[in-house]
């Protein structure tokens, strides 16, 4: 019996090929599940938090994410207030990781967030928006309904 051996394949896992990581912070379980599923289908590594305390814990336990999606209005704290708290406790995260608000409002308060995506979220463009925020690390306003 002869076993066929194919050619050796070397895979170079350079930082450019590394899987991107996203932290989703929202108090809506259904939205967290939906966005997690969409992002995982787009080959992102996804962590979720249901509020400020879970988010701070996640950020202390995981390596720095490439992007943070943050709900503007949560039960325990507002998104802008959480961003201020995060800047106080982990200033390097606010400096180095783009934060994007998720909101049902037409405008968001001034903050260090790089932009926002309006709810209800257009799933067809969500992965493109995610990639753009990670690649550019800058924001733009997503107003489409």
N, C-alpha and C. Protein backbone atom coordinates (compact mmCIF):
# COMPACT_ATOMS: atom_id res chain seq x y z
N UNK A 1 0.85 -1.17 0.00
CA UNK A 1 0.00 0.00 0.00
C UNK A 1 0.89 1.23 0.00
N UNK A 2 0.55 2.15 -0.85
CA UNK A 2 1.35 3.35 -0.99
C UNK A 2 0.55 4.56 -0.51
N UNK A 3 1.15 5.39 0.30
CA UNK A 3 0.49 6.60 0.79
C UNK A 3 1.00 7.77 -0.02
N UNK A 4 0.08 8.52 -0.60
CA UNK A 4 0.47 9.69 -1.39
C UNK A 4 0.77 10.86 -0.45
N UNK A 5 1.91 11.44 -0.63
CA UNK A 5 2.27 12.62 0.14
C UNK A 5 2.33 13.80 -0.80
N UNK A 6 1.53 14.79 -0.50
CA UNK A 6 1.51 15.99 -1.33
C UNK A 6 2.65 16.91 -0.97
N UNK A 7 2.80 17.99 -1.73
CA UNK A 7 3.87 18.94 -1.45
C UNK A 7 3.63 19.64 -0.11
N UNK A 8 4.71 19.98 0.54
CA UNK A 8 4.60 20.71 1.79
C UNK A 8 4.13 22.13 1.52
N UNK A 9 3.31 22.61 2.38
CA UNK A 9 2.81 23.97 2.25
C UNK A 9 3.23 24.74 3.48
N UNK A 10 3.90 25.83 3.26
CA UNK A 10 4.29 26.69 4.37
C UNK A 10 3.34 27.87 4.42
N UNK A 11 2.80 28.12 5.56
CA UNK A 11 1.91 29.25 5.73
C UNK A 11 2.61 30.27 6.61
N UNK A 12 2.71 31.47 6.11
CA UNK A 12 3.34 32.54 6.86
C UNK A 12 2.26 33.41 7.47
N UNK A 13 2.12 33.32 8.79
CA UNK A 13 1.13 34.13 9.48
C UNK A 13 1.76 35.46 9.87
N UNK A 14 1.76 36.37 8.95
CA UNK A 14 2.30 37.70 9.22
C UNK A 14 1.23 38.53 9.90
N UNK A 15 1.61 39.64 10.52
CA UNK A 15 0.61 40.49 11.17
C UNK A 15 -0.46 40.97 10.20
N UNK A 16 -0.10 41.08 8.91
CA UNK A 16 -1.09 41.53 7.95
C UNK A 16 -2.18 40.50 7.73
N UNK A 17 -1.87 39.24 7.98
CA UNK A 17 -2.85 38.17 7.78
C UNK A 17 -3.61 37.84 9.07
N UNK A 18 -3.25 38.45 10.16
CA UNK A 18 -3.87 38.12 11.44
C UNK A 18 -5.36 38.45 11.41
N UNK A 19 -6.12 37.61 12.06
CA UNK A 19 -7.56 37.80 12.18
C UNK A 19 -7.83 39.04 13.02
N UNK A 20 -8.70 39.89 12.58
CA UNK A 20 -9.03 41.12 13.30
C UNK A 20 -10.01 40.83 14.42
N UNK A 21 -9.88 41.58 15.50
CA UNK A 21 -10.68 41.38 16.70
C UNK A 21 -11.60 42.58 16.93
N UNK A 22 -12.86 42.28 17.26
CA UNK A 22 -13.86 43.32 17.51
C UNK A 22 -14.50 43.06 18.86
N UNK A 23 -14.67 44.14 19.64
CA UNK A 23 -15.42 44.07 20.89
C UNK A 23 -16.75 44.78 20.67
N UNK A 24 -17.85 44.07 20.90
CA UNK A 24 -19.20 44.63 20.81
C UNK A 24 -19.71 44.91 22.22
N UNK A 25 -20.13 46.14 22.47
CA UNK A 25 -20.67 46.50 23.79
C UNK A 25 -22.08 47.03 23.58
N UNK A 26 -23.07 46.27 24.07
CA UNK A 26 -24.47 46.66 23.92
C UNK A 26 -25.27 45.88 24.95
N UNK A 27 -26.36 46.47 25.43
CA UNK A 27 -27.17 45.78 26.42
C UNK A 27 -28.33 45.00 25.79
N UNK A 28 -28.38 44.95 24.47
CA UNK A 28 -29.41 44.21 23.75
C UNK A 28 -28.84 42.87 23.30
N UNK A 29 -29.28 41.79 23.95
CA UNK A 29 -28.76 40.45 23.64
C UNK A 29 -29.00 40.04 22.19
N UNK A 30 -30.18 40.37 21.67
CA UNK A 30 -30.49 39.99 20.29
C UNK A 30 -29.55 40.67 19.30
N UNK A 31 -29.29 41.95 19.53
CA UNK A 31 -28.37 42.67 18.63
C UNK A 31 -26.95 42.14 18.77
N UNK A 32 -26.52 41.85 20.00
CA UNK A 32 -25.18 41.27 20.19
C UNK A 32 -25.04 39.96 19.44
N UNK A 33 -26.06 39.11 19.53
CA UNK A 33 -26.02 37.81 18.85
C UNK A 33 -25.98 38.00 17.34
N UNK A 34 -26.81 38.88 16.82
CA UNK A 34 -26.85 39.13 15.38
C UNK A 34 -25.52 39.67 14.86
N UNK A 35 -25.00 40.71 15.51
CA UNK A 35 -23.76 41.32 15.04
C UNK A 35 -22.58 40.37 15.21
N UNK A 36 -22.58 39.61 16.29
CA UNK A 36 -21.51 38.61 16.49
C UNK A 36 -21.52 37.60 15.33
N UNK A 37 -22.70 37.12 14.98
CA UNK A 37 -22.83 36.15 13.89
C UNK A 37 -22.34 36.74 12.57
N UNK A 38 -22.76 37.96 12.27
CA UNK A 38 -22.34 38.61 11.02
C UNK A 38 -20.83 38.79 10.99
N UNK A 39 -20.26 39.27 12.09
CA UNK A 39 -18.81 39.49 12.14
C UNK A 39 -18.03 38.18 12.05
N UNK A 40 -18.51 37.15 12.72
CA UNK A 40 -17.83 35.85 12.65
C UNK A 40 -17.90 35.27 11.24
N UNK A 41 -19.00 35.51 10.53
CA UNK A 41 -19.09 35.08 9.14
C UNK A 41 -18.09 35.83 8.28
N UNK A 42 -17.73 37.05 8.70
CA UNK A 42 -16.72 37.84 8.01
C UNK A 42 -15.31 37.54 8.49
N UNK A 43 -15.14 36.49 9.28
CA UNK A 43 -13.87 36.00 9.80
C UNK A 43 -13.22 36.94 10.82
N UNK A 44 -14.05 37.63 11.60
CA UNK A 44 -13.55 38.43 12.71
C UNK A 44 -13.63 37.60 13.98
N UNK A 45 -12.69 37.84 14.89
CA UNK A 45 -12.79 37.27 16.23
C UNK A 45 -13.61 38.27 17.04
N UNK A 46 -14.65 37.81 17.69
CA UNK A 46 -15.61 38.71 18.33
C UNK A 46 -15.73 38.42 19.82
N UNK A 47 -15.70 39.49 20.59
CA UNK A 47 -15.97 39.43 22.03
C UNK A 47 -17.16 40.34 22.28
N UNK A 48 -18.00 39.97 23.24
CA UNK A 48 -19.18 40.78 23.54
C UNK A 48 -19.21 41.14 25.02
N UNK A 49 -19.87 42.26 25.29
CA UNK A 49 -20.08 42.71 26.66
C UNK A 49 -21.45 43.36 26.73
N UNK A 50 -22.17 43.10 27.83
CA UNK A 50 -23.52 43.64 27.99
C UNK A 50 -23.55 44.97 28.74
N UNK A 51 -22.43 45.57 28.96
CA UNK A 51 -22.40 46.85 29.65
C UNK A 51 -20.98 47.22 30.03
N UNK A 52 -20.87 48.28 30.82
CA UNK A 52 -19.56 48.84 31.16
C UNK A 52 -18.67 47.88 31.94
N UNK A 53 -19.21 47.25 32.98
CA UNK A 53 -18.35 46.39 33.80
C UNK A 53 -17.86 45.18 33.01
N UNK A 54 -18.75 44.57 32.20
CA UNK A 54 -18.31 43.44 31.37
C UNK A 54 -17.28 43.88 30.33
N UNK A 55 -17.47 45.08 29.80
CA UNK A 55 -16.54 45.59 28.79
C UNK A 55 -15.15 45.83 29.39
N UNK A 56 -15.11 46.44 30.56
CA UNK A 56 -13.81 46.68 31.21
C UNK A 56 -13.13 45.36 31.54
N UNK A 57 -13.91 44.38 32.00
CA UNK A 57 -13.34 43.07 32.31
C UNK A 57 -12.78 42.42 31.04
N UNK A 58 -13.57 42.47 29.96
CA UNK A 58 -13.12 41.88 28.69
C UNK A 58 -11.84 42.55 28.21
N UNK A 59 -11.78 43.86 28.30
CA UNK A 59 -10.60 44.59 27.83
C UNK A 59 -9.36 44.29 28.67
N UNK A 60 -9.56 43.90 29.92
CA UNK A 60 -8.41 43.56 30.76
C UNK A 60 -7.95 42.12 30.53
N UNK A 61 -8.82 41.29 29.92
CA UNK A 61 -8.50 39.88 29.74
C UNK A 61 -8.07 39.51 28.32
N UNK A 62 -8.49 40.29 27.33
CA UNK A 62 -8.16 39.95 25.94
C UNK A 62 -7.05 40.87 25.45
N UNK A 63 -6.41 40.45 24.36
CA UNK A 63 -5.44 41.36 23.76
C UNK A 63 -6.23 42.51 23.14
N UNK A 64 -5.58 43.60 22.91
CA UNK A 64 -6.25 44.81 22.44
C UNK A 64 -7.03 44.54 21.15
N UNK A 65 -8.34 44.89 21.12
CA UNK A 65 -9.12 44.68 19.90
C UNK A 65 -8.71 45.67 18.81
N UNK A 66 -9.11 45.37 17.59
CA UNK A 66 -8.85 46.27 16.47
C UNK A 66 -9.95 47.31 16.33
N UNK A 67 -11.12 47.04 16.94
CA UNK A 67 -12.26 47.95 16.84
C UNK A 67 -13.21 47.67 18.00
N UNK A 68 -13.84 48.74 18.49
CA UNK A 68 -14.87 48.61 19.52
C UNK A 68 -16.15 49.24 18.99
N UNK A 69 -17.24 48.48 18.99
CA UNK A 69 -18.56 49.02 18.73
C UNK A 69 -19.22 49.23 20.08
N UNK A 70 -19.76 50.43 20.31
CA UNK A 70 -20.28 50.82 21.62
C UNK A 70 -21.66 51.43 21.48
N UNK A 71 -22.65 50.83 22.15
CA UNK A 71 -24.01 51.37 22.16
C UNK A 71 -24.01 52.71 22.88
N UNK A 72 -24.73 53.68 22.34
CA UNK A 72 -24.78 55.01 22.95
C UNK A 72 -25.62 55.00 24.22
N UNK A 73 -26.72 54.23 24.22
CA UNK A 73 -27.64 54.25 25.36
C UNK A 73 -27.78 52.84 25.93
N UNK A 74 -27.11 52.61 27.06
CA UNK A 74 -27.20 51.32 27.75
C UNK A 74 -27.82 51.54 29.12
N UNK A 75 -28.26 50.45 29.74
CA UNK A 75 -28.91 50.55 31.05
C UNK A 75 -27.97 51.05 32.14
N UNK A 76 -26.71 50.54 32.15
CA UNK A 76 -25.83 50.87 33.27
C UNK A 76 -25.07 52.19 33.09
N UNK A 77 -24.78 52.57 31.85
CA UNK A 77 -24.04 53.81 31.59
C UNK A 77 -24.21 54.16 30.12
N UNK A 78 -24.13 55.43 29.81
CA UNK A 78 -24.22 55.82 28.40
C UNK A 78 -22.88 55.52 27.70
N UNK A 79 -22.93 55.36 26.40
CA UNK A 79 -21.71 55.13 25.63
C UNK A 79 -20.67 56.23 25.82
N UNK A 80 -21.08 57.51 25.71
CA UNK A 80 -20.11 58.58 25.93
C UNK A 80 -19.51 58.56 27.34
N UNK A 81 -20.33 58.25 28.35
CA UNK A 81 -19.80 58.17 29.72
C UNK A 81 -18.84 56.99 29.87
N UNK A 82 -19.16 55.87 29.22
CA UNK A 82 -18.25 54.73 29.25
C UNK A 82 -16.92 55.08 28.59
N UNK A 83 -16.98 55.82 27.51
CA UNK A 83 -15.75 56.23 26.82
C UNK A 83 -14.88 57.10 27.73
N UNK A 84 -15.50 57.98 28.50
CA UNK A 84 -14.74 58.79 29.47
C UNK A 84 -14.13 57.91 30.56
N UNK A 85 -14.90 56.94 31.04
CA UNK A 85 -14.41 56.00 32.04
C UNK A 85 -13.25 55.18 31.49
N UNK A 86 -13.40 54.72 30.26
CA UNK A 86 -12.34 53.95 29.61
C UNK A 86 -11.07 54.78 29.44
N UNK A 87 -11.24 56.04 29.09
CA UNK A 87 -10.08 56.92 28.94
C UNK A 87 -9.35 57.10 30.27
N UNK A 88 -10.11 57.12 31.36
CA UNK A 88 -9.52 57.25 32.69
C UNK A 88 -8.79 55.97 33.11
N UNK A 89 -9.42 54.82 32.87
CA UNK A 89 -8.87 53.54 33.35
C UNK A 89 -7.89 52.90 32.38
N UNK A 90 -8.10 53.07 31.09
CA UNK A 90 -7.25 52.45 30.06
C UNK A 90 -7.03 53.44 28.92
N UNK A 91 -6.30 54.52 29.16
CA UNK A 91 -6.14 55.56 28.14
C UNK A 91 -5.52 55.04 26.84
N UNK A 92 -4.67 54.02 26.94
CA UNK A 92 -4.03 53.48 25.74
C UNK A 92 -5.06 52.87 24.79
N UNK A 93 -6.12 52.31 25.32
CA UNK A 93 -7.17 51.73 24.47
C UNK A 93 -7.86 52.83 23.67
N UNK A 94 -8.20 53.92 24.34
CA UNK A 94 -8.88 55.03 23.65
C UNK A 94 -7.95 55.66 22.61
N UNK A 95 -6.66 55.71 22.91
CA UNK A 95 -5.69 56.27 21.95
C UNK A 95 -5.47 55.37 20.74
N UNK A 96 -5.50 54.05 20.96
CA UNK A 96 -5.05 53.13 19.91
C UNK A 96 -6.15 52.33 19.22
N UNK A 97 -7.35 52.30 19.77
CA UNK A 97 -8.42 51.48 19.20
C UNK A 97 -9.57 52.39 18.77
N UNK A 98 -9.96 52.31 17.50
CA UNK A 98 -11.12 53.12 17.09
C UNK A 98 -12.39 52.62 17.78
N UNK A 99 -13.17 53.57 18.28
CA UNK A 99 -14.45 53.27 18.92
C UNK A 99 -15.55 53.86 18.04
N UNK A 100 -16.54 53.04 17.73
CA UNK A 100 -17.65 53.46 16.87
C UNK A 100 -18.95 53.29 17.65
N UNK A 101 -19.73 54.36 17.71
CA UNK A 101 -21.01 54.28 18.40
C UNK A 101 -22.04 53.56 17.54
N UNK A 102 -22.91 52.79 18.20
CA UNK A 102 -24.11 52.23 17.60
C UNK A 102 -25.28 52.98 18.21
N UNK A 103 -26.12 53.59 17.39
CA UNK A 103 -27.16 54.44 17.95
C UNK A 103 -28.40 54.51 17.09
N UNK A 104 -29.53 54.72 17.73
CA UNK A 104 -30.78 54.97 17.04
C UNK A 104 -31.00 56.46 16.83
N UNK A 105 -30.13 57.28 17.38
CA UNK A 105 -30.25 58.72 17.26
C UNK A 105 -29.66 59.21 15.94
N UNK A 106 -30.07 60.39 15.52
CA UNK A 106 -29.53 60.98 14.29
C UNK A 106 -28.17 61.63 14.52
N UNK A 107 -27.87 61.95 15.75
CA UNK A 107 -26.59 62.57 16.09
C UNK A 107 -26.05 61.90 17.34
N UNK A 108 -24.75 62.02 17.53
CA UNK A 108 -24.14 61.51 18.76
C UNK A 108 -23.40 62.65 19.44
N UNK A 109 -23.28 62.57 20.77
CA UNK A 109 -22.55 63.62 21.48
C UNK A 109 -21.08 63.64 21.07
N UNK A 110 -20.46 64.79 21.22
CA UNK A 110 -19.02 64.89 20.96
C UNK A 110 -18.28 63.96 21.91
N UNK A 111 -17.31 63.27 21.35
CA UNK A 111 -16.52 62.33 22.15
C UNK A 111 -15.30 61.93 21.34
N UNK A 112 -14.57 60.96 21.84
CA UNK A 112 -13.41 60.45 21.13
C UNK A 112 -13.76 59.29 20.21
N UNK A 113 -15.05 59.00 20.05
CA UNK A 113 -15.47 57.99 19.08
C UNK A 113 -15.12 58.49 17.69
N UNK A 114 -14.75 57.56 16.81
CA UNK A 114 -14.35 57.96 15.45
C UNK A 114 -15.53 58.07 14.50
N UNK A 115 -16.71 57.64 14.95
CA UNK A 115 -17.88 57.73 14.10
C UNK A 115 -19.03 56.95 14.71
N UNK A 116 -20.08 56.79 13.91
CA UNK A 116 -21.21 56.02 14.39
C UNK A 116 -21.92 55.31 13.25
N UNK A 117 -22.62 54.26 13.61
CA UNK A 117 -23.48 53.53 12.69
C UNK A 117 -24.88 53.60 13.28
N UNK A 118 -25.81 54.01 12.45
CA UNK A 118 -27.17 54.21 12.91
C UNK A 118 -27.96 52.91 12.95
N UNK A 119 -28.72 52.73 14.03
CA UNK A 119 -29.64 51.62 14.16
C UNK A 119 -30.96 52.03 13.52
N UNK A 120 -31.72 51.16 12.92
CA UNK A 120 -31.39 49.75 12.73
C UNK A 120 -30.21 49.61 11.77
N UNK A 121 -29.38 48.64 12.05
CA UNK A 121 -28.14 48.44 11.30
C UNK A 121 -28.43 47.73 10.00
N UNK A 122 -27.85 48.26 8.93
CA UNK A 122 -27.96 47.64 7.61
C UNK A 122 -26.92 46.53 7.54
N UNK A 123 -27.38 45.30 7.66
CA UNK A 123 -26.48 44.14 7.70
C UNK A 123 -25.67 44.03 6.41
N UNK A 124 -26.26 44.44 5.28
CA UNK A 124 -25.55 44.34 4.00
C UNK A 124 -24.28 45.18 3.97
N UNK A 125 -24.26 46.30 4.69
CA UNK A 125 -23.07 47.17 4.66
C UNK A 125 -22.25 47.09 5.96
N UNK A 126 -22.74 46.36 6.95
CA UNK A 126 -22.08 46.34 8.25
C UNK A 126 -20.64 45.82 8.17
N UNK A 127 -20.40 44.74 7.44
CA UNK A 127 -19.03 44.21 7.33
C UNK A 127 -18.12 45.19 6.60
N UNK A 128 -18.63 45.85 5.58
CA UNK A 128 -17.83 46.85 4.86
C UNK A 128 -17.49 48.02 5.79
N UNK A 129 -18.48 48.45 6.56
CA UNK A 129 -18.25 49.54 7.52
C UNK A 129 -17.19 49.13 8.54
N UNK A 130 -17.30 47.90 9.05
CA UNK A 130 -16.34 47.40 10.03
C UNK A 130 -14.93 47.41 9.46
N UNK A 131 -14.78 46.89 8.28
CA UNK A 131 -13.46 46.85 7.63
C UNK A 131 -12.91 48.25 7.43
N UNK A 132 -13.76 49.17 6.99
CA UNK A 132 -13.32 50.54 6.74
C UNK A 132 -12.86 51.22 8.03
N UNK A 133 -13.61 51.04 9.12
CA UNK A 133 -13.21 51.64 10.39
C UNK A 133 -11.87 51.08 10.86
N UNK A 134 -11.66 49.78 10.69
CA UNK A 134 -10.39 49.17 11.11
C UNK A 134 -9.24 49.65 10.24
N UNK A 135 -9.45 49.67 8.93
CA UNK A 135 -8.37 50.04 8.01
C UNK A 135 -7.98 51.50 8.14
N UNK A 136 -8.97 52.37 8.27
CA UNK A 136 -8.66 53.81 8.29
C UNK A 136 -8.44 54.35 9.70
N UNK A 137 -8.97 53.64 10.70
CA UNK A 137 -8.91 54.08 12.09
C UNK A 137 -9.46 55.49 12.26
N UNK A 138 -10.29 55.89 11.31
CA UNK A 138 -10.96 57.19 11.42
C UNK A 138 -12.42 57.00 11.10
N UNK A 139 -13.17 57.98 11.45
CA UNK A 139 -14.61 57.82 11.32
C UNK A 139 -15.22 58.57 10.18
N UNK A 140 -16.43 58.24 9.96
CA UNK A 140 -17.31 58.95 9.07
C UNK A 140 -18.70 58.68 9.59
N UNK A 141 -19.64 59.45 9.17
CA UNK A 141 -20.99 59.31 9.68
C UNK A 141 -21.79 58.42 8.76
N UNK A 142 -22.45 57.44 9.30
CA UNK A 142 -23.29 56.53 8.54
C UNK A 142 -24.74 56.94 8.83
N UNK A 143 -25.36 57.67 7.90
CA UNK A 143 -26.71 58.18 8.12
C UNK A 143 -27.79 57.40 7.39
N UNK A 144 -27.41 56.47 6.52
CA UNK A 144 -28.41 55.78 5.73
C UNK A 144 -29.36 54.98 6.61
N UNK A 145 -30.57 54.88 6.16
CA UNK A 145 -31.59 54.10 6.91
C UNK A 145 -31.77 52.76 6.26
